[in-house]
Every structure is written in C-alpha cells, then in structure tokens.
Amino acid sequence: MKKDIRNRKDIENLVNAFYEKVKTDEIIGYLFTDIAKVNWELHLPKMYDFWENVLFQSANYNGNPMVVHKNLHQKSTMNQAHFQQWRELFNQTVDSLFVGTKADEINNRAMNISAVLTHKTLG
C-alpha cells in the first residue's frame, strides 16, 4: 500500500526513481547524459535538498535552477516537449510511489516550477 511523502528518505527514493527514468528517456535523457554530462553523485544530493526544501521548507538548498536551465538551453536548444516530458516523468514517478497530501503537493509544485522554468528559459 502506498503512503504519503513523509521525510527526506522518501524524497531520496522519489528522486532516485525519477532520475533512473530520466537517464534512459528518449526525449530528455540526452540532455542530462550527453549535453549536461551530469555527475550523478553531485547532482542527486542537490536534488534531495531542493525537493526537501520545496516540500518541507528545510532551507538546505543552495542553488539557482534558472541559471542551470538557461545554460543548458544555450548548449542544446530545448522546447516545450522537453519540459512536458520532464513533468510527465516526475508525476508518473510520484504517483507510482506515493499517495496523499504531500504527494499531491509535490506534483503541483513541480508543475508550477516547470512552468516558470519553461517560460523563463524559452522566453
């Protein structure tokens, strides 16, 4: 039986499962593996901090996602389909693992964050 997102461990499970999908995704995987050449050992803990801060106001995230996405867009042009696929994979991952108020909240927050990043990155 699925439960709600309760703590950092749940965030870590979500982020790990999500990026396993991303790495092999036909639409956005190359942006992470070939263009950004993500160092997963560094990236994953940042994403744990980011989503923990989003969901639980932990104040342990220090970064600027907007700059990262704009830089990536300069290296390889992104479009609406890239951001849409990211949202779909994220929501699918959340929904496959969790159910409840925090699960709904993280899906809504991800949609809003993605909308802002899409607008500001693509113009």
Protein backbone atom coordinates (compact mmCIF):
# COMPACT_ATOMS: atom_id res chain seq x y z
CA MET A 1 0.00 0.00 0.00
CA LYS A 2 1.34 3.43 -0.97
CA LYS A 3 1.89 6.06 1.68
CA ASP A 4 2.43 9.80 1.56
CA ILE A 5 5.84 11.50 1.35
CA ARG A 6 6.89 11.91 4.97
CA ASN A 7 10.61 12.71 5.15
CA ARG A 8 13.95 13.08 3.38
CA LYS A 9 14.26 9.33 2.87
CA ASP A 10 11.04 9.38 0.87
CA ILE A 11 12.36 12.35 -1.14
CA GLU A 12 15.56 10.41 -1.86
CA ASN A 13 13.58 7.40 -3.06
CA LEU A 14 11.47 9.61 -5.30
CA VAL A 15 14.44 11.50 -6.77
CA ASN A 16 16.41 8.30 -7.38
CA ALA A 17 13.49 6.60 -9.12
CA PHE A 18 12.76 9.70 -11.19
CA TYR A 19 16.31 10.11 -12.47
CA GLU A 20 16.58 6.42 -13.32
CA LYS A 21 13.71 7.09 -15.75
CA VAL A 22 15.25 10.35 -16.97
CA LYS A 23 18.62 8.79 -17.79
CA THR A 24 17.12 6.46 -20.38
CA ASP A 25 14.26 8.62 -21.61
CA GLU A 26 14.23 9.07 -25.40
CA ILE A 27 13.07 12.69 -25.23
CA ILE A 28 15.11 14.24 -22.41
CA GLY A 29 17.71 11.68 -21.38
CA TYR A 30 20.38 13.04 -23.73
CA LEU A 31 20.14 16.49 -22.14
CA PHE A 32 21.34 15.01 -18.86
CA THR A 33 23.78 12.40 -20.13
CA ASP A 34 25.25 13.89 -23.31
CA ILE A 35 24.79 17.66 -23.06
CA ALA A 36 24.97 18.48 -19.34
CA LYS A 37 27.08 15.39 -18.63
CA VAL A 38 25.56 15.24 -15.16
CA ASN A 39 27.75 13.98 -12.36
CA TRP A 40 25.05 11.98 -10.58
CA GLU A 41 27.00 11.72 -7.32
CA LEU A 42 26.87 15.52 -7.06
CA HIS A 43 23.51 16.13 -8.73
CA LEU A 44 21.35 13.72 -6.74
CA PRO A 45 22.16 15.16 -3.28
CA LYS A 46 21.40 18.66 -4.65
CA MET A 47 18.04 17.40 -5.88
CA TYR A 48 17.34 15.76 -2.50
CA ASP A 49 18.00 19.15 -0.88
CA PHE A 50 15.94 21.01 -3.49
CA TRP A 51 12.81 18.85 -3.17
CA GLU A 52 13.13 18.55 0.59
CA ASN A 53 13.19 22.34 0.74
CA VAL A 54 10.21 22.61 -1.64
CA LEU A 55 8.11 20.17 0.36
CA PHE A 56 9.30 20.64 3.94
CA GLN A 57 10.93 24.11 3.92
CA SER A 58 14.22 22.63 5.12
CA ALA A 59 16.26 25.66 3.93
CA ASN A 60 19.10 23.31 2.99
CA TYR A 61 19.12 24.01 -0.77
CA ASN A 62 21.59 26.46 -2.25
CA GLY A 63 21.42 26.84 -5.98
CA ASN A 64 19.86 28.61 -8.94
CA PRO A 65 17.87 26.28 -11.22
CA MET A 66 17.11 29.13 -13.63
CA VAL A 67 20.78 29.70 -14.47
CA VAL A 68 21.35 25.98 -14.90
CA HIS A 69 18.45 25.63 -17.33
CA LYS A 70 19.37 28.74 -19.32
CA ASN A 71 22.95 27.48 -19.67
CA LEU A 72 21.69 24.09 -20.81
CA HIS A 73 19.36 25.74 -23.32
CA GLN A 74 22.35 27.62 -24.79
CA LYS A 75 24.21 24.33 -25.25
CA SER A 76 21.27 22.47 -26.76
CA THR A 77 18.00 24.16 -27.64
CA MET A 78 15.13 22.92 -25.53
CA ASN A 79 11.43 23.21 -26.33
CA GLN A 80 8.02 22.73 -24.72
CA ALA A 81 8.16 18.97 -25.34
CA HIS A 82 11.27 18.64 -23.15
CA PHE A 83 9.62 20.35 -20.21
CA GLN A 84 6.37 18.45 -20.75
CA GLN A 85 8.22 15.13 -20.72
CA TRP A 86 10.03 16.11 -17.53
CA ARG A 87 6.66 16.89 -15.87
CA GLU A 88 5.13 13.63 -17.07
CA LEU A 89 8.03 11.53 -15.82
CA PHE A 90 8.03 13.34 -12.49
CA ASN A 91 4.29 12.96 -11.97
CA GLN A 92 4.37 9.30 -13.04
CA THR A 93 7.17 8.63 -10.55
CA VAL A 94 5.41 10.36 -7.68
CA ASP A 95 2.11 8.62 -8.44
CA SER A 96 3.76 5.20 -8.71
CA LEU A 97 5.37 5.52 -5.27
CA PHE A 98 3.19 7.77 -3.12
CA VAL A 99 -0.34 8.91 -2.42
CA GLY A 100 -1.54 11.70 -0.15
CA THR A 101 -1.39 15.40 0.59
CA LYS A 102 2.38 15.79 0.22
CA ALA A 103 2.40 13.67 -2.95
CA ASP A 104 -0.24 15.95 -4.43
CA GLU A 105 1.67 19.00 -3.24
CA ILE A 106 4.97 17.92 -4.80
CA ASN A 107 3.23 17.20 -8.12
CA ASN A 108 1.61 20.64 -8.06
CA ARG A 109 4.84 22.35 -7.07
CA ALA A 110 6.73 20.50 -9.82
CA MET A 111 4.16 21.63 -12.38
CA ASN A 112 4.48 25.26 -11.23
CA ILE A 113 8.28 25.17 -11.12
CA SER A 114 8.38 23.61 -14.58
CA ALA A 115 6.01 26.26 -15.95
CA VAL A 116 8.23 29.07 -14.64
CA LEU A 117 11.40 27.40 -15.94
CA THR A 118 9.77 26.82 -19.32
CA HIS A 119 8.63 30.42 -19.61
CA LYS A 120 11.90 31.96 -18.48
CA THR A 121 14.15 29.55 -20.38
CA LEU A 122 12.30 29.53 -23.69
CA GLY A 123 11.14 33.13 -23.47
